[in-house]
Amino acid sequence: MFEKQGTPAAVICTEPFIRSAENMSVAHGFSGYPFAVIPHPIGSSDSTTLDQWADGVFDQVVSLLTDQPKPI
């Protein structure tokens, strides 16, 4: 994890992968690791839609990078 090296990080996943993100955080000893969630799919979405989704989680990602201490 980047945080172990003192580098802030933010995970962004799509809705179908919420459980996987939660399970990975537990498997790596970071239960409750916070992440932002956007709709799915991204691969077939147009740039306008992706921009809207990014705008929708922008403040949350900034918070993940600056405000919330993550377990290390």
PDB file of N, CA and C in Angstrom:
ATOM      1  N   MET A   1       0.831  -1.172   0.000  1.00  0.00           N
ATOM      2  CA  MET A   1       0.000   0.000   0.000  1.00  0.00           C
ATOM      3  C   MET A   1       0.882   1.245   0.000  1.00  0.00           C
ATOM      4  N   PHE A   2       0.473   2.219  -0.768  1.00  0.00           N
ATOM      5  CA  PHE A   2       1.224   3.471  -0.854  1.00  0.00           C
ATOM      6  C   PHE A   2       1.332   4.168   0.494  1.00  0.00           C
ATOM      7  N   GLU A   3       0.279   4.059   1.311  1.00  0.00           N
ATOM      8  CA  GLU A   3       0.288   4.739   2.607  1.00  0.00           C
ATOM      9  C   GLU A   3       1.451   4.296   3.481  1.00  0.00           C
ATOM     10  N   LYS A   4       1.864   3.055   3.360  1.00  0.00           N
ATOM     11  CA  LYS A   4       3.003   2.570   4.140  1.00  0.00           C
ATOM     12  C   LYS A   4       4.277   3.322   3.782  1.00  0.00           C
ATOM     13  N   GLN A   5       4.314   3.880   2.575  1.00  0.00           N
ATOM     14  CA  GLN A   5       5.469   4.650   2.120  1.00  0.00           C
ATOM     15  C   GLN A   5       5.238   6.149   2.280  1.00  0.00           C
ATOM     16  N   GLY A   6       4.112   6.515   2.918  1.00  0.00           N
ATOM     17  CA  GLY A   6       3.810   7.920   3.143  1.00  0.00           C
ATOM     18  C   GLY A   6       3.171   8.631   1.966  1.00  0.00           C
ATOM     19  N   THR A   7       2.701   7.870   0.987  1.00  0.00           N
ATOM     20  CA  THR A   7       2.060   8.448  -0.187  1.00  0.00           C
ATOM     21  C   THR A   7       0.555   8.246  -0.108  1.00  0.00           C
ATOM     22  N   PRO A   8      -0.225   9.317  -0.119  1.00  0.00           N
ATOM     23  CA  PRO A   8      -1.680   9.161  -0.091  1.00  0.00           C
ATOM     24  C   PRO A   8      -2.166   8.411  -1.328  1.00  0.00           C
ATOM     25  N   ALA A   9      -3.224   7.640  -1.164  1.00  0.00           N
ATOM     26  CA  ALA A   9      -3.799   6.892  -2.277  1.00  0.00           C
ATOM     27  C   ALA A   9      -5.308   6.864  -2.134  1.00  0.00           C
ATOM     28  N   ALA A  10      -5.984   6.730  -3.256  1.00  0.00           N
ATOM     29  CA  ALA A  10      -7.437   6.602  -3.253  1.00  0.00           C
ATOM     30  C   ALA A  10      -7.822   5.509  -4.237  1.00  0.00           C
ATOM     31  N   VAL A  11      -8.653   4.601  -3.792  1.00  0.00           N
ATOM     32  CA  VAL A  11      -9.165   3.536  -4.649  1.00  0.00           C
ATOM     33  C   VAL A  11     -10.518   3.974  -5.186  1.00  0.00           C
ATOM     34  N   ILE A  12     -10.711   3.778  -6.485  1.00  0.00           N
ATOM     35  CA  ILE A  12     -11.998   4.036  -7.120  1.00  0.00           C
ATOM     36  C   ILE A  12     -12.396   2.740  -7.810  1.00  0.00           C
ATOM     37  N   CYS A  13     -13.568   2.213  -7.468  1.00  0.00           N
ATOM     38  CA  CYS A  13     -14.023   0.982  -8.112  1.00  0.00           C
ATOM     39  C   CYS A  13     -15.444   1.173  -8.626  1.00  0.00           C
ATOM     40  N   THR A  14     -15.867   0.269  -9.497  1.00  0.00           N
ATOM     41  CA  THR A  14     -17.234   0.323  -9.991  1.00  0.00           C
ATOM     42  C   THR A  14     -18.125  -0.571  -9.134  1.00  0.00           C
ATOM     43  N   GLU A  15     -19.426  -0.308  -9.210  1.00  0.00           N
ATOM     44  CA  GLU A  15     -20.394  -0.942  -8.321  1.00  0.00           C
ATOM     45  C   GLU A  15     -20.282  -2.470  -8.212  1.00  0.00           C
ATOM     46  N   PRO A  16     -20.117  -3.196  -9.323  1.00  0.00           N
ATOM     47  CA  PRO A  16     -20.044  -4.656  -9.185  1.00  0.00           C
ATOM     48  C   PRO A  16     -18.816  -5.152  -8.418  1.00  0.00           C
ATOM     49  N   PHE A  17     -17.836  -4.282  -8.212  1.00  0.00           N
ATOM     50  CA  PHE A  17     -16.595  -4.701  -7.569  1.00  0.00           C
ATOM     51  C   PHE A  17     -16.467  -4.234  -6.121  1.00  0.00           C
ATOM     52  N   ILE A  18     -17.558  -3.750  -5.551  1.00  0.00           N
ATOM     53  CA  ILE A  18     -17.526  -3.303  -4.157  1.00  0.00           C
ATOM     54  C   ILE A  18     -17.108  -4.445  -3.238  1.00  0.00           C
ATOM     55  N   ARG A  19     -17.746  -5.589  -3.363  1.00  0.00           N
ATOM     56  CA  ARG A  19     -17.430  -6.735  -2.501  1.00  0.00           C
ATOM     57  C   ARG A  19     -15.972  -7.153  -2.684  1.00  0.00           C
ATOM     58  N   SER A  20     -15.494  -7.162  -3.912  1.00  0.00           N
ATOM     59  CA  SER A  20     -14.091  -7.518  -4.162  1.00  0.00           C
ATOM     60  C   SER A  20     -13.145  -6.529  -3.496  1.00  0.00           C
ATOM     61  N   ALA A  21     -13.455  -5.243  -3.577  1.00  0.00           N
ATOM     62  CA  ALA A  21     -12.611  -4.228  -2.936  1.00  0.00           C
ATOM     63  C   ALA A  21     -12.603  -4.418  -1.425  1.00  0.00           C
ATOM     64  N   GLU A  22     -13.765  -4.699  -0.858  1.00  0.00           N
ATOM     65  CA  GLU A  22     -13.842  -4.947   0.586  1.00  0.00           C
ATOM     66  C   GLU A  22     -13.031  -6.183   0.968  1.00  0.00           C
ATOM     67  N   ASN A  23     -13.190  -7.252   0.204  1.00  0.00           N
ATOM     68  CA  ASN A  23     -12.461  -8.487   0.497  1.00  0.00           C
ATOM     69  C   ASN A  23     -10.950  -8.308   0.354  1.00  0.00           C
ATOM     70  N   MET A  24     -10.518  -7.568  -0.654  1.00  0.00           N
ATOM     71  CA  MET A  24      -9.082  -7.326  -0.831  1.00  0.00           C
ATOM     72  C   MET A  24      -8.516  -6.520   0.329  1.00  0.00           C
ATOM     73  N   SER A  25      -9.279  -5.547   0.809  1.00  0.00           N
ATOM     74  CA  SER A  25      -8.777  -4.744   1.927  1.00  0.00           C
ATOM     75  C   SER A  25      -8.615  -5.604   3.168  1.00  0.00           C
ATOM     76  N   VAL A  26      -9.561  -6.506   3.402  1.00  0.00           N
ATOM     77  CA  VAL A  26      -9.457  -7.421   4.552  1.00  0.00           C
ATOM     78  C   VAL A  26      -8.277  -8.368   4.363  1.00  0.00           C
ATOM     79  N   ALA A  27      -8.141  -8.927   3.165  1.00  0.00           N
ATOM     80  CA  ALA A  27      -7.066  -9.884   2.893  1.00  0.00           C
ATOM     81  C   ALA A  27      -5.684  -9.271   3.102  1.00  0.00           C
ATOM     82  N   HIS A  28      -5.579  -7.973   2.893  1.00  0.00           N
ATOM     83  CA  HIS A  28      -4.291  -7.292   3.055  1.00  0.00           C
ATOM     84  C   HIS A  28      -4.153  -6.605   4.407  1.00  0.00           C
ATOM     85  N   GLY A  29      -5.096  -6.906   5.307  1.00  0.00           N
ATOM     86  CA  GLY A  29      -5.010  -6.375   6.662  1.00  0.00           C
ATOM     87  C   GLY A  29      -5.481  -4.943   6.824  1.00  0.00           C
ATOM     88  N   PHE A  30      -6.304  -4.478   5.913  1.00  0.00           N
ATOM     89  CA  PHE A  30      -6.798  -3.103   5.955  1.00  0.00           C
ATOM     90  C   PHE A  30      -8.323  -3.081   5.994  1.00  0.00           C
ATOM     91  N   SER A  31      -8.908  -3.818   6.904  1.00  0.00           N
ATOM     92  CA  SER A  31     -10.365  -3.870   7.013  1.00  0.00           C
ATOM     93  C   SER A  31     -10.937  -2.461   7.137  1.00  0.00           C
ATOM     94  N   GLY A  32     -11.960  -2.191   6.368  1.00  0.00           N
ATOM     95  CA  GLY A  32     -12.581  -0.880   6.413  1.00  0.00           C
ATOM     96  C   GLY A  32     -11.896   0.171   5.562  1.00  0.00           C
ATOM     97  N   TYR A  33     -10.967  -0.249   4.706  1.00  0.00           N
ATOM     98  CA  TYR A  33     -10.264   0.700   3.833  1.00  0.00           C
ATOM     99  C   TYR A  33     -11.296   1.448   2.986  1.00  0.00           C
ATOM    100  N   PRO A  34     -11.283   2.774   3.022  1.00  0.00           N
ATOM    101  CA  PRO A  34     -12.302   3.541   2.296  1.00  0.00           C
ATOM    102  C   PRO A  34     -11.993   3.633   0.806  1.00  0.00           C
ATOM    103  N   PHE A  35     -13.039   3.658   0.004  1.00  0.00           N
ATOM    104  CA  PHE A  35     -12.874   3.810  -1.437  1.00  0.00           C
ATOM    105  C   PHE A  35     -14.091   4.501  -2.028  1.00  0.00           C
ATOM    106  N   ALA A  36     -13.916   5.077  -3.192  1.00  0.00           N
ATOM    107  CA  ALA A  36     -15.000   5.728  -3.920  1.00  0.00           C
ATOM    108  C   ALA A  36     -15.588   4.729  -4.909  1.00  0.00           C
ATOM    109  N   VAL A  37     -16.874   4.875  -5.183  1.00  0.00           N
ATOM    110  CA  VAL A  37     -17.566   3.958  -6.086  1.00  0.00           C
ATOM    111  C   VAL A  37     -18.238   4.758  -7.202  1.00  0.00           C
ATOM    112  N   ILE A  38     -18.035   4.284  -8.423  1.00  0.00           N
ATOM    113  CA  ILE A  38     -18.711   4.864  -9.580  1.00  0.00           C
ATOM    114  C   ILE A  38     -19.545   3.774 -10.247  1.00  0.00           C
ATOM    115  N   PRO A  39     -20.499   4.163 -11.111  1.00  0.00           N
ATOM    116  CA  PRO A  39     -21.308   3.167 -11.811  1.00  0.00           C
ATOM    117  C   PRO A  39     -20.468   2.297 -12.745  1.00  0.00           C
ATOM    118  N   HIS A  40     -21.104   1.278 -13.249  1.00  0.00           N
ATOM    119  CA  HIS A  40     -20.475   0.313 -14.149  1.00  0.00           C
ATOM    120  C   HIS A  40     -21.333   0.235 -15.400  1.00  0.00           C
ATOM    121  N   PRO A  41     -20.800   0.005 -16.545  1.00  0.00           N
ATOM    122  CA  PRO A  41     -19.402  -0.232 -16.893  1.00  0.00           C
ATOM    123  C   PRO A  41     -18.703   1.066 -17.278  1.00  0.00           C
ATOM    124  N   ILE A  42     -17.385   1.031 -17.238  1.00  0.00           N
ATOM    125  CA  ILE A  42     -16.644   2.204 -17.701  1.00  0.00           C
ATOM    126  C   ILE A  42     -16.115   2.003 -19.123  1.00  0.00           C
ATOM    127  N   GLY A  43     -15.824   0.761 -19.481  1.00  0.00           N
ATOM    128  CA  GLY A  43     -15.212   0.484 -20.780  1.00  0.00           C
ATOM    129  C   GLY A  43     -16.065   0.877 -21.968  1.00  0.00           C
ATOM    130  N   SER A  44     -17.372   0.772 -21.833  1.00  0.00           N
ATOM    131  CA  SER A  44     -18.251   1.093 -22.956  1.00  0.00           C
ATOM    132  C   SER A  44     -18.994   2.411 -22.755  1.00  0.00           C
ATOM    133  N   SER A  45     -18.589   3.179 -21.755  1.00  0.00           N
ATOM    134  CA  SER A  45     -19.245   4.460 -21.481  1.00  0.00           C
ATOM    135  C   SER A  45     -18.567   5.581 -22.259  1.00  0.00           C
ATOM    136  N   ASP A  46     -19.366   6.550 -22.686  1.00  0.00           N
ATOM    137  CA  ASP A  46     -18.801   7.670 -23.439  1.00  0.00           C
ATOM    138  C   ASP A  46     -18.118   8.656 -22.496  1.00  0.00           C
ATOM    139  N   SER A  47     -17.318   9.530 -23.067  1.00  0.00           N
ATOM    140  CA  SER A  47     -16.511  10.440 -22.251  1.00  0.00           C
ATOM    141  C   SER A  47     -17.367  11.412 -21.443  1.00  0.00           C
ATOM    142  N   THR A  48     -18.519  11.805 -21.956  1.00  0.00           N
ATOM    143  CA  THR A  48     -19.398  12.699 -21.198  1.00  0.00           C
ATOM    144  C   THR A  48     -19.889  12.015 -19.934  1.00  0.00           C
ATOM    145  N   THR A  49     -20.293  10.770 -20.059  1.00  0.00           N
ATOM    146  CA  THR A  49     -20.752  10.001 -18.898  1.00  0.00           C
ATOM    147  C   THR A  49     -19.625   9.816 -17.900  1.00  0.00           C
ATOM    148  N   LEU A  50     -18.448   9.450 -18.389  1.00  0.00           N
ATOM    149  CA  LEU A  50     -17.302   9.265 -17.496  1.00  0.00           C
ATOM    150  C   LEU A  50     -16.943  10.559 -16.773  1.00  0.00           C
ATOM    151  N   ASP A  51     -17.009  11.676 -17.481  1.00  0.00           N
ATOM    152  CA  ASP A  51     -16.749  12.972 -16.846  1.00  0.00           C
ATOM    153  C   ASP A  51     -17.756  13.242 -15.732  1.00  0.00           C
ATOM    154  N   GLN A  52     -19.020  12.922 -15.970  1.00  0.00           N
ATOM    155  CA  GLN A  52     -20.054  13.124 -14.953  1.00  0.00           C
ATOM    156  C   GLN A  52     -19.793  12.242 -13.738  1.00  0.00           C
ATOM    157  N   TRP A  53     -19.433  11.002 -13.974  1.00  0.00           N
ATOM    158  CA  TRP A  53     -19.149  10.092 -12.858  1.00  0.00           C
ATOM    159  C   TRP A  53     -17.938  10.576 -12.072  1.00  0.00           C
ATOM    160  N   ALA A  54     -16.912  11.024 -12.782  1.00  0.00           N
ATOM    161  CA  ALA A  54     -15.714  11.539 -12.107  1.00  0.00           C
ATOM    162  C   ALA A  54     -16.055  12.780 -11.284  1.00  0.00           C
ATOM    163  N   ASP A  55     -16.837  13.668 -11.857  1.00  0.00           N
ATOM    164  CA  ASP A  55     -17.266  14.853 -11.110  1.00  0.00           C
ATOM    165  C   ASP A  55     -18.040  14.453  -9.857  1.00  0.00           C
ATOM    166  N   GLY A  56     -18.826  13.383  -9.966  1.00  0.00           N
ATOM    167  CA  GLY A  56     -19.641  12.934  -8.842  1.00  0.00           C
ATOM    168  C   GLY A  56     -18.842  12.410  -7.664  1.00  0.00           C
ATOM    169  N   VAL A  57     -17.645  11.906  -7.896  1.00  0.00           N
ATOM    170  CA  VAL A  57     -16.819  11.383  -6.793  1.00  0.00           C
ATOM    171  C   VAL A  57     -15.599  12.254  -6.508  1.00  0.00           C
ATOM    172  N   PHE A  58     -15.475  13.362  -7.207  1.00  0.00           N
ATOM    173  CA  PHE A  58     -14.292  14.210  -7.054  1.00  0.00           C
ATOM    174  C   PHE A  58     -14.049  14.606  -5.603  1.00  0.00           C
ATOM    175  N   ASP A  59     -15.058  15.156  -4.946  1.00  0.00           N
ATOM    176  CA  ASP A  59     -14.882  15.601  -3.561  1.00  0.00           C
ATOM    177  C   ASP A  59     -14.536  14.438  -2.637  1.00  0.00           C
ATOM    178  N   GLN A  60     -15.144  13.287  -2.893  1.00  0.00           N
ATOM    179  CA  GLN A  60     -14.845  12.111  -2.069  1.00  0.00           C
ATOM    180  C   GLN A  60     -13.391  11.681  -2.258  1.00  0.00           C
ATOM    181  N   VAL A  61     -12.907  11.688  -3.478  1.00  0.00           N
ATOM    182  CA  VAL A  61     -11.519  11.297  -3.744  1.00  0.00           C
ATOM    183  C   VAL A  61     -10.553  12.288  -3.092  1.00  0.00           C
ATOM    184  N   VAL A  62     -10.859  13.563  -3.187  1.00  0.00           N
ATOM    185  CA  VAL A  62     -10.021  14.563  -2.514  1.00  0.00           C
ATOM    186  C   VAL A  62      -9.980  14.274  -1.019  1.00  0.00           C
ATOM    187  N   SER A  63     -11.135  13.958  -0.448  1.00  0.00           N
ATOM    188  CA  SER A  63     -11.199  13.632   0.977  1.00  0.00           C
ATOM    189  C   SER A  63     -10.386  12.384   1.298  1.00  0.00           C
ATOM    190  N   LEU A  64     -10.476  11.372   0.453  1.00  0.00           N
ATOM    191  CA  LEU A  64      -9.698  10.150   0.673  1.00  0.00           C
ATOM    192  C   LEU A  64      -8.200  10.446   0.672  1.00  0.00           C
ATOM    193  N   LEU A  65      -7.800  11.387  -0.147  1.00  0.00           N
ATOM    194  CA  LEU A  65      -6.378  11.716  -0.266  1.00  0.00           C
ATOM    195  C   LEU A  65      -5.874  12.668   0.814  1.00  0.00           C
ATOM    196  N   THR A  66      -6.774  13.443   1.396  1.00  0.00           N
ATOM    197  CA  THR A  66      -6.311  14.498   2.301  1.00  0.00           C
ATOM    198  C   THR A  66      -6.851  14.439   3.720  1.00  0.00           C
ATOM    199  N   ASP A  67      -8.057  13.944   3.922  1.00  0.00           N
ATOM    200  CA  ASP A  67      -8.711  14.079   5.221  1.00  0.00           C
ATOM    201  C   ASP A  67      -8.735  12.823   6.071  1.00  0.00           C
ATOM    202  N   GLN A  68      -8.929  11.690   5.456  1.00  0.00           N
ATOM    203  CA  GLN A  68      -9.206  10.486   6.216  1.00  0.00           C
ATOM    204  C   GLN A  68      -7.952   9.664   6.442  1.00  0.00           C
ATOM    205  N   PRO A  69      -7.569   9.504   7.683  1.00  0.00           N
ATOM    206  CA  PRO A  69      -6.440   8.595   7.925  1.00  0.00           C
ATOM    207  C   PRO A  69      -6.852   7.168   7.593  1.00  0.00           C
ATOM    208  N   LYS A  70      -5.985   6.451   6.923  1.00  0.00           N
ATOM    209  CA  LYS A  70      -6.262   5.059   6.578  1.00  0.00           C
ATOM    210  C   LYS A  70      -5.465   4.162   7.510  1.00  0.00           C
ATOM    211  N   PRO A  71      -6.011   2.997   7.812  1.00  0.00           N
ATOM    212  CA  PRO A  71      -5.250   2.075   8.665  1.00  0.00           C
ATOM    213  C   PRO A  71      -3.983   1.616   7.964  1.00  0.00           C
ATOM    214  N   ILE A  72      -2.912   1.523   8.704  1.00  0.00           N
ATOM    215  CA  ILE A  72      -1.635   1.063   8.123  1.00  0.00           C
ATOM    216  C   ILE A  72      -1.173  -0.176   8.859  1.00  0.00           C
TER     217      ILE A  72
END
